[in-house]
C-alpha atoms as a PDB file:
ATOM      1  CA  MET A   1      53.158 118.899 116.609  1.00  0.00           C
ATOM      2  CA  VAL A   2      52.447 115.242 117.440  1.00  0.00           C
ATOM      3  CA  ASP A   3      49.172 114.581 119.322  1.00  0.00           C
ATOM      4  CA  PRO A   4      50.089 112.855 122.613  1.00  0.00           C
ATOM      5  CA  ARG A   5      47.006 110.636 122.040  1.00  0.00           C
ATOM      6  CA  GLU A   6      48.745 109.221 118.939  1.00  0.00           C
ATOM      7  CA  LYS A   7      51.859 108.081 120.818  1.00  0.00           C
ATOM      8  CA  VAL A   8      52.666 104.421 119.965  1.00  0.00           C
ATOM      9  CA  MET A   9      53.050 102.221 123.037  1.00  0.00           C
ATOM     10  CA  SER A  10      54.257  98.629 123.207  1.00  0.00           C
ATOM     11  CA  LEU A  11      52.412  95.811 125.036  1.00  0.00           C
ATOM     12  CA  GLY A  12      54.792  96.265 127.966  1.00  0.00           C
ATOM     13  CA  ASP A  13      54.111  99.994 128.087  1.00  0.00           C
ATOM     14  CA  HIS A  14      50.370  99.355 128.123  1.00  0.00           C
ATOM     15  CA  LEU A  15      50.663  96.845 130.970  1.00  0.00           C
ATOM     16  CA  GLU A  16      52.819  99.231 132.956  1.00  0.00           C
ATOM     17  CA  GLU A  17      50.399 102.048 132.366  1.00  0.00           C
ATOM     18  CA  LEU A  18      47.503  99.759 133.507  1.00  0.00           C
ATOM     19  CA  ARG A  19      49.481  98.737 136.611  1.00  0.00           C
ATOM     20  CA  LYS A  20      50.124 102.434 137.522  1.00  0.00           C
ATOM     21  CA  ARG A  21      46.388 103.293 137.146  1.00  0.00           C
ATOM     22  CA  ILE A  22      45.354 100.332 139.296  1.00  0.00           C
ATOM     23  CA  LEU A  23      47.816 101.327 142.006  1.00  0.00           C
ATOM     24  CA  ILE A  24      46.568 104.939 141.807  1.00  0.00           C
ATOM     25  CA  SER A  25      42.947 103.712 142.085  1.00  0.00           C
ATOM     26  CA  LEU A  26      43.767 101.594 145.109  1.00  0.00           C
ATOM     27  CA  ALA A  27      45.617 104.566 146.698  1.00  0.00           C
ATOM     28  CA  ILE A  28      42.511 106.750 146.179  1.00  0.00           C
ATOM     29  CA  VAL A  29      40.258 104.168 147.835  1.00  0.00           C
ATOM     30  CA  ALA A  30      42.740 103.653 150.722  1.00  0.00           C
ATOM     31  CA  VAL A  31      43.055 107.387 151.380  1.00  0.00           C
ATOM     32  CA  CYS A  32      39.248 107.900 151.306  1.00  0.00           C
ATOM     33  CA  SER A  33      38.733 104.853 153.520  1.00  0.00           C
ATOM     34  CA  ILE A  34      41.264 105.980 156.139  1.00  0.00           C
ATOM     35  CA  GLY A  35      39.651 109.376 156.133  1.00  0.00           C
ATOM     36  CA  ALA A  36      36.224 107.864 156.619  1.00  0.00           C
ATOM     37  CA  GLY A  37      37.689 105.623 159.426  1.00  0.00           C
ATOM     38  CA  PHE A  38      38.328 108.680 161.538  1.00  0.00           C
ATOM     39  CA  PHE A  39      34.532 109.346 161.536  1.00  0.00           C
ATOM     40  CA  VAL A  40      33.287 105.765 161.409  1.00  0.00           C
ATOM     41  CA  THR A  41      31.675 106.042 164.863  1.00  0.00           C
ATOM     42  CA  GLU A  42      29.640 109.095 163.820  1.00  0.00           C
ATOM     43  CA  ILE A  43      28.818 107.461 160.462  1.00  0.00           C
ATOM     44  CA  HIS A  44      27.557 104.306 162.289  1.00  0.00           C
ATOM     45  CA  ARG A  45      25.438 106.391 164.626  1.00  0.00           C
ATOM     46  CA  TYR A  46      23.911 108.166 161.677  1.00  0.00           C
ATOM     47  CA  ILE A  47      23.176 104.952 159.656  1.00  0.00           C
ATOM     48  CA  SER A  48      21.761 103.064 162.625  1.00  0.00           C
ATOM     49  CA  ALA A  49      19.489 105.977 163.614  1.00  0.00           C
ATOM     50  CA  PRO A  50      16.421 104.717 161.649  1.00  0.00           C
ATOM     51  CA  TYR A  51      16.585 101.271 163.382  1.00  0.00           C
ATOM     52  CA  THR A  52      17.025 102.793 166.865  1.00  0.00           C
ATOM     53  CA  ALA A  53      14.262 105.396 166.332  1.00  0.00           C
ATOM     54  CA  ILE A  54      11.741 102.731 165.214  1.00  0.00           C
ATOM     55  CA  THR A  55      12.570  99.910 167.638  1.00  0.00           C
ATOM     56  CA  GLY A  56      14.126 101.759 170.615  1.00  0.00           C
ATOM     57  CA  LEU A  57      16.665  98.890 170.756  1.00  0.00           C
ATOM     58  CA  ASN A  58      20.314  98.498 170.256  1.00  0.00           C
ATOM     59  CA  MET A  59      21.849  95.954 167.829  1.00  0.00           C
ATOM     60  CA  THR A  60      23.579  92.810 168.960  1.00  0.00           C
ATOM     61  CA  LEU A  61      26.967  91.350 168.150  1.00  0.00           C
ATOM     62  CA  GLY A  62      27.062  87.923 166.536  1.00  0.00           C
ATOM     63  CA  SER A  63      30.685  87.345 167.480  1.00  0.00           C
ATOM     64  CA  ALA A  64      33.524  89.102 169.251  1.00  0.00           C
ATOM     65  CA  MET A  65      34.978  90.325 165.930  1.00  0.00           C
ATOM     66  CA  ASP A  66      31.708  91.695 164.497  1.00  0.00           C
ATOM     67  CA  ALA A  67      32.228  95.220 165.715  1.00  0.00           C
ATOM     68  CA  LEU A  68      35.775  95.536 164.295  1.00  0.00           C
ATOM     69  CA  ASN A  69      34.889  93.772 161.024  1.00  0.00           C
ATOM     70  CA  THR A  70      31.794  95.968 160.485  1.00  0.00           C
ATOM     71  CA  MET A  71      33.669  99.238 161.163  1.00  0.00           C
ATOM     72  CA  ILE A  72      36.433  98.228 158.716  1.00  0.00           C
ATOM     73  CA  ILE A  73      33.918  97.246 156.062  1.00  0.00           C
ATOM     74  CA  LEU A  74      31.889 100.440 156.645  1.00  0.00           C
ATOM     75  CA  SER A  75      35.095 102.567 156.283  1.00  0.00           C
ATOM     76  CA  ILE A  76      36.018 100.875 153.029  1.00  0.00           C
ATOM     77  CA  ALA A  77      32.487 101.074 151.657  1.00  0.00           C
ATOM     78  CA  ILE A  78      32.300 104.828 152.417  1.00  0.00           C
ATOM     79  CA  GLY A  79      35.786 105.363 151.003  1.00  0.00           C
ATOM     80  CA  LEU A  80      34.933 103.467 147.845  1.00  0.00           C
ATOM     81  CA  THR A  81      31.769 105.457 147.369  1.00  0.00           C
ATOM     82  CA  ILE A  82      33.592 108.779 147.875  1.00  0.00           C
ATOM     83  CA  GLY A  83      36.463 107.860 145.629  1.00  0.00           C
ATOM     84  CA  LEU A  84      34.332 106.178 142.954  1.00  0.00           C
ATOM     85  CA  PRO A  85      34.274 109.051 140.418  1.00  0.00           C
ATOM     86  CA  LEU A  86      38.117 109.443 140.572  1.00  0.00           C
ATOM     87  CA  VAL A  87      38.673 105.732 140.281  1.00  0.00           C
ATOM     88  CA  PHE A  88      36.356 105.520 137.238  1.00  0.00           C
ATOM     89  CA  PHE A  89      38.142 108.397 135.488  1.00  0.00           C
ATOM     90  CA  VAL A  90      41.581 107.114 136.299  1.00  0.00           C
ATOM     91  CA  LEU A  91      40.815 103.705 134.931  1.00  0.00           C
ATOM     92  CA  PHE A  92      38.832 105.036 131.936  1.00  0.00           C
ATOM     93  CA  GLU A  93      41.712 107.264 130.808  1.00  0.00           C
ATOM     94  CA  PHE A  94      43.615 104.065 130.073  1.00  0.00           C
ATOM     95  CA  ILE A  95      41.466 103.446 126.981  1.00  0.00           C
ATOM     96  CA  THR A  96      40.751 107.012 125.834  1.00  0.00           C
ATOM     97  CA  PRO A  97      43.963 107.292 123.699  1.00  0.00           C
ATOM     98  CA  ALA A  98      42.400 104.594 121.475  1.00  0.00           C
ATOM     99  CA  LEU A  99      39.200 106.629 120.959  1.00  0.00           C
ATOM    100  CA  GLU A 100      38.490 109.546 118.713  1.00  0.00           C
ATOM    101  CA  ARG A 101      38.289 112.927 120.456  1.00  0.00           C
ATOM    102  CA  LYS A 102      34.498 113.132 120.207  1.00  0.00           C
ATOM    103  CA  THR A 103      34.013 109.536 121.328  1.00  0.00           C
ATOM    104  CA  ALA A 104      36.377 110.065 124.203  1.00  0.00           C
ATOM    105  CA  PHE A 105      34.492 113.151 125.334  1.00  0.00           C
ATOM    106  CA  LEU A 106      31.150 111.425 125.116  1.00  0.00           C
ATOM    107  CA  SER A 107      32.532 108.429 126.985  1.00  0.00           C
ATOM    108  CA  ARG A 108      33.905 110.662 129.799  1.00  0.00           C
ATOM    109  CA  LEU A 109      30.478 112.317 129.949  1.00  0.00           C
ATOM    110  CA  SER A 110      28.846 108.910 130.263  1.00  0.00           C
ATOM    111  CA  VAL A 111      31.139 107.957 133.111  1.00  0.00           C
ATOM    112  CA  GLY A 112      30.287 111.221 134.869  1.00  0.00           C
ATOM    113  CA  PHE A 113      26.544 110.652 134.488  1.00  0.00           C
ATOM    114  CA  SER A 114      27.013 107.104 135.608  1.00  0.00           C
ATOM    115  CA  CYS A 115      28.503 108.360 138.925  1.00  0.00           C
ATOM    116  CA  ILE A 116      25.773 110.949 139.343  1.00  0.00           C
ATOM    117  CA  LEU A 117      23.081 108.343 138.744  1.00  0.00           C
ATOM    118  CA  PHE A 118      24.668 105.958 141.227  1.00  0.00           C
ATOM    119  CA  TRP A 119      24.892 108.578 143.921  1.00  0.00           C
ATOM    120  CA  SER A 120      21.335 109.730 143.157  1.00  0.00           C
ATOM    121  CA  GLY A 121      20.139 106.138 143.628  1.00  0.00           C
ATOM    122  CA  VAL A 122      21.983 105.860 146.938  1.00  0.00           C
ATOM    123  CA  ALA A 123      20.617 109.119 148.135  1.00  0.00           C
ATOM    124  CA  PHE A 124      17.033 108.198 147.001  1.00  0.00           C
ATOM    125  CA  CYS A 125      17.304 104.916 148.861  1.00  0.00           C
ATOM    126  CA  TRP A 126      18.506 106.543 152.069  1.00  0.00           C
ATOM    127  CA  PHE A 127      15.870 109.316 152.157  1.00  0.00           C
ATOM    128  CA  PHE A 128      12.868 107.407 150.807  1.00  0.00           C
ATOM    129  CA  ILE A 129      13.293 103.625 150.516  1.00  0.00           C
ATOM    130  CA  PHE A 130      15.332 102.705 153.553  1.00  0.00           C
ATOM    131  CA  PRO A 131      13.229 104.440 156.228  1.00  0.00           C
ATOM    132  CA  ILE A 132      10.100 102.776 154.816  1.00  0.00           C
ATOM    133  CA  SER A 133      11.827  99.466 154.524  1.00  0.00           C
ATOM    134  CA  VAL A 134      12.979  99.614 158.190  1.00  0.00           C
ATOM    135  CA  GLN A 135       9.523 100.416 159.318  1.00  0.00           C
ATOM    136  CA  MET A 136       8.006  97.595 157.320  1.00  0.00           C
ATOM    137  CA  MET A 137      10.502  94.985 158.489  1.00  0.00           C
ATOM    138  CA  PHE A 138      10.813  96.005 162.098  1.00  0.00           C
ATOM    139  CA  LYS A 139       7.400  97.416 162.896  1.00  0.00           C
ATOM    140  CA  PHE A 140       4.436  96.789 160.591  1.00  0.00           C
ATOM    141  CA  LEU A 141       5.420  93.232 159.568  1.00  0.00           C
ATOM    142  CA  LEU A 142       6.781  92.230 163.002  1.00  0.00           C
ATOM    143  CA  PRO A 143       4.881  89.132 164.208  1.00  0.00           C
ATOM    144  CA  PRO A 144       3.217  89.331 167.701  1.00  0.00           C
ATOM    145  CA  ASN A 145       5.339  88.506 170.751  1.00  0.00           C
ATOM    146  CA  THR A 146       8.534  89.183 168.729  1.00  0.00           C
ATOM    147  CA  GLN A 147      11.328  91.639 169.557  1.00  0.00           C
ATOM    148  CA  ALA A 148      12.971  93.385 166.648  1.00  0.00           C
ATOM    149  CA  LEU A 149      16.567  92.478 167.541  1.00  0.00           C
ATOM    150  CA  ILE A 150      19.140  92.247 164.759  1.00  0.00           C
ATOM    151  CA  SER A 151      22.876  91.718 164.735  1.00  0.00           C
ATOM    152  CA  LEU A 152      25.267  94.450 163.559  1.00  0.00           C
ATOM    153  CA  ASP A 153      26.492  92.497 160.533  1.00  0.00           C
ATOM    154  CA  LYS A 154      22.968  91.528 159.367  1.00  0.00           C
ATOM    155  CA  TYR A 155      21.844  95.143 159.632  1.00  0.00           C
ATOM    156  CA  TYR A 156      24.697  96.452 157.454  1.00  0.00           C
ATOM    157  CA  SER A 157      24.146  93.583 154.950  1.00  0.00           C
ATOM    158  CA  PHE A 158      20.527  94.772 154.659  1.00  0.00           C
ATOM    159  CA  PHE A 159      21.744  98.377 154.344  1.00  0.00           C
ATOM    160  CA  PHE A 160      24.414  97.819 151.696  1.00  0.00           C
ATOM    161  CA  ILE A 161      22.220  95.480 149.586  1.00  0.00           C
ATOM    162  CA  LEU A 162      19.454  97.961 149.457  1.00  0.00           C
ATOM    163  CA  HIS A 163      21.611 101.038 148.722  1.00  0.00           C
ATOM    164  CA  ILE A 164      23.977  99.509 146.300  1.00  0.00           C
ATOM    165  CA  GLY A 165      21.131  97.726 144.504  1.00  0.00           C
ATOM    166  CA  THR A 166      19.205 100.997 144.089  1.00  0.00           C
ATOM    167  CA  GLY A 167      22.390 102.837 142.959  1.00  0.00           C
ATOM    168  CA  VAL A 168      23.043 100.141 140.293  1.00  0.00           C
ATOM    169  CA  THR A 169      19.378 100.113 139.206  1.00  0.00           C
ATOM    170  CA  PHE A 170      19.562 103.847 138.544  1.00  0.00           C
ATOM    171  CA  GLN A 171      22.143 103.045 135.847  1.00  0.00           C
ATOM    172  CA  ILE A 172      19.364 101.640 133.613  1.00  0.00           C
ATOM    173  CA  PRO A 173      18.453 104.967 131.878  1.00  0.00           C
ATOM    174  CA  LEU A 174      22.069 105.554 130.939  1.00  0.00           C
ATOM    175  CA  ILE A 175      22.396 102.021 129.509  1.00  0.00           C
ATOM    176  CA  ILE A 176      19.229 102.594 127.421  1.00  0.00           C
ATOM    177  CA  VAL A 177      20.610 105.894 126.010  1.00  0.00           C
ATOM    178  CA  VAL A 178      24.012 104.374 125.217  1.00  0.00           C
ATOM    179  CA  LEU A 179      22.507 101.298 123.481  1.00  0.00           C
ATOM    180  CA  GLY A 180      20.157 103.683 121.560  1.00  0.00           C
ATOM    181  CA  GLY A 181      23.035 105.927 120.605  1.00  0.00           C
ATOM    182  CA  LEU A 182      24.931 102.898 119.280  1.00  0.00           C
ATOM    183  CA  GLY A 183      21.893 101.775 117.386  1.00  0.00           C
ATOM    184  CA  VAL A 184      21.665  98.498 119.259  1.00  0.00           C
ATOM    185  CA  VAL A 185      18.228  99.074 120.859  1.00  0.00           C
ATOM    186  CA  LYS A 186      16.206 101.502 118.640  1.00  0.00           C
ATOM    187  CA  PHE A 187      13.211 103.579 119.502  1.00  0.00           C
ATOM    188  CA  GLN A 188      10.811 101.243 117.620  1.00  0.00           C
ATOM    189  CA  MET A 189      11.870  98.292 119.779  1.00  0.00           C
ATOM    190  CA  HIS A 190      10.829 100.278 122.930  1.00  0.00           C
ATOM    191  CA  VAL A 191       7.458 101.076 121.245  1.00  0.00           C
ATOM    192  CA  LYS A 192       6.853  97.378 120.652  1.00  0.00           C
ATOM    193  CA  SER A 193       8.100  96.017 123.967  1.00  0.00           C
ATOM    194  CA  TRP A 194       7.252  98.830 126.508  1.00  0.00           C
ATOM    195  CA  ARG A 195       4.709  96.537 128.385  1.00  0.00           C
ATOM    196  CA  PHE A 196       7.539  93.969 129.001  1.00  0.00           C
ATOM    197  CA  VAL A 197       9.972  96.663 130.003  1.00  0.00           C
ATOM    198  CA  ILE A 198       7.565  98.002 132.611  1.00  0.00           C
ATOM    199  CA  LEU A 199       7.039  94.438 133.933  1.00  0.00           C
ATOM    200  CA  GLY A 200      10.769  94.061 134.038  1.00  0.00           C
ATOM    201  CA  LEU A 201      11.236  97.334 135.959  1.00  0.00           C
ATOM    202  CA  LEU A 202       8.757  96.016 138.518  1.00  0.00           C
ATOM    203  CA  PHE A 203      10.770  92.833 138.922  1.00  0.00           C
ATOM    204  CA  ILE A 204      13.951  94.837 139.273  1.00  0.00           C
ATOM    205  CA  ALA A 205      12.368  97.022 141.896  1.00  0.00           C
ATOM    206  CA  MET A 206      11.186  93.907 143.724  1.00  0.00           C
ATOM    207  CA  ALA A 207      14.776  92.504 143.649  1.00  0.00           C
ATOM    208  CA  VAL A 208      16.445  95.500 145.169  1.00  0.00           C
ATOM    209  CA  THR A 209      13.818  96.089 147.910  1.00  0.00           C
ATOM    210  CA  PRO A 210      12.659  93.879 150.829  1.00  0.00           C
ATOM    211  CA  GLY A 211       9.752  92.878 148.798  1.00  0.00           C
ATOM    212  CA  ASP A 212       6.956  94.983 150.346  1.00  0.00           C
ATOM    213  CA  PRO A 213       4.672  96.684 147.842  1.00  0.00           C
ATOM    214  CA  VAL A 214       5.341 100.242 149.202  1.00  0.00           C
ATOM    215  CA  SER A 215       9.148 100.042 148.801  1.00  0.00           C
ATOM    216  CA  MET A 216       8.757  98.266 145.446  1.00  0.00           C
ATOM    217  CA  PHE A 217       6.584 100.990 143.920  1.00  0.00           C
ATOM    218  CA  ILE A 218       8.650 103.821 145.444  1.00  0.00           C
ATOM    219  CA  VAL A 219      11.607 102.351 143.403  1.00  0.00           C
ATOM    220  CA  ALA A 220       9.583 101.492 140.321  1.00  0.00           C
ATOM    221  CA  GLY A 221       8.155 105.020 140.046  1.00  0.00           C
ATOM    222  CA  PRO A 222      11.406 106.910 139.372  1.00  0.00           C
ATOM    223  CA  LEU A 223      12.700 104.031 137.227  1.00  0.00           C
ATOM    224  CA  LEU A 224       9.593 104.398 135.002  1.00  0.00           C
ATOM    225  CA  VAL A 225      10.100 108.150 134.748  1.00  0.00           C
ATOM    226  CA  PHE A 226      13.817 107.663 134.009  1.00  0.00           C
ATOM    227  CA  TYR A 227      12.969 105.047 131.390  1.00  0.00           C
ATOM    228  CA  LEU A 228      10.514 107.362 129.556  1.00  0.00           C
ATOM    229  CA  LEU A 229      13.123 110.156 129.564  1.00  0.00           C
ATOM    230  CA  ALA A 230      15.737 107.756 128.280  1.00  0.00           C
ATOM    231  CA  VAL A 231      13.453 106.550 125.437  1.00  0.00           C
ATOM    232  CA  ALA A 232      12.648 110.224 124.566  1.00  0.00           C
ATOM    233  CA  ILE A 233      16.441 110.939 124.352  1.00  0.00           C
ATOM    234  CA  VAL A 234      16.892 107.817 122.119  1.00  0.00           C
ATOM    235  CA  TYR A 235      14.036 109.255 119.892  1.00  0.00           C
ATOM    236  CA  LEU A 236      15.777 112.606 119.617  1.00  0.00           C
ATOM    237  CA  ILE A 237      19.129 110.930 118.826  1.00  0.00           C
ATOM    238  CA  GLU A 238      17.565 108.936 116.002  1.00  0.00           C
ATOM    239  CA  LYS A 239      15.720 111.964 114.619  1.00  0.00           C
ATOM    240  CA  THR A 240      18.990 113.948 114.669  1.00  0.00           C
ATOM    241  CA  ARG A 241      20.887 111.127 113.037  1.00  0.00           C
ATOM    242  CA  SER A 242      18.209 110.653 110.358  1.00  0.00           C
ATOM    243  CA  ARG A 243      18.204 114.353 109.595  1.00  0.00           C
ATOM    244  CA  ARG A 244      22.001 114.392 109.296  1.00  0.00           C
ATOM    245  CA  GLU A 245      22.073 111.379 107.048  1.00  0.00           C
ATOM    246  CA  ALA A 246      19.410 112.964 104.805  1.00  0.00           C
ATOM    247  CA  GLU A 247      21.458 116.206 104.583  1.00  0.00           C
ATOM    248  CA  GLU A 248      24.557 114.222 103.717  1.00  0.00           C
ATOM    249  CA  GLU A 249      22.720 112.258 101.006  1.00  0.00           C
ATOM    250  CA  ALA A 250      21.309 115.441  99.565  1.00  0.00           C
ATOM    251  CA  GLU A 251      24.720 117.016  99.583  1.00  0.00           C
ATOM    252  CA  ALA A 252      26.198 113.921  97.888  1.00  0.00           C
ATOM    253  CA  ALA A 253      23.416 114.061  95.271  1.00  0.00           C
ATOM    254  CA  ARG A 254      24.121 117.728  94.534  1.00  0.00           C
ATOM    255  CA  ALA A 255      27.808 116.966  94.216  1.00  0.00           C
ATOM    256  CA  ALA A 256      27.145 114.128  91.814  1.00  0.00           C
ATOM    257  CA  ALA A 257      24.761 116.326  89.788  1.00  0.00           C
ATOM    258  CA  SER A 258      27.412 119.012  89.478  1.00  0.00           C
ATOM    259  CA  TRP A 259      29.801 116.615  87.765  1.00  0.00           C
END
């Protein structure tokens, strides 16, 4: 029986398959965005609650179209976040026929973990970083004789940059493990350069937060823990690989001796 993964496709077939997967991905995002649109008012009330609770003020509109534009962008952003795993898997399946079964399985696993890490970063930002950042920006760092007014679009720009930045930052451990598994960045390199890595994590945390020390260290703490776990996994991968290579060499030596 012919493995469907081994089916030969022409360039035109590949392009047609890619077109179908892109259309399916867009349809997934559209359906999720439309679904989120029905609840966009409640979602906005939930997201704007930290600002309202701290300042006791309502946001302002920068233009007549701000309200409509923000609600549309918010619906699409929520729809994209909800549909992200499906979109990743639909697009990734385009290249899996070219991979070995084990490689394809590990790649799918990596995509799944990538989505989990992204969502974990977004959730971590919402529950820990964002409330502190709002307090720092609109309360503790507010100059005297200043009212903490902000426009709707500026608030959501602040919201999305912080959450998406944290979600993307949480991908770092997976990248370290993948590079370690491929043998690109080995365990000894981490041993030699760990000081620079920690400094780099602090700069990354500073880049995805408003810049106040509290928010920065709240992000840097989990990143450091994830980094140490990722390096430990790379160490285990290398130990397992070395043990397997040693066993293969011993088996080859025994086979040669038997001749």
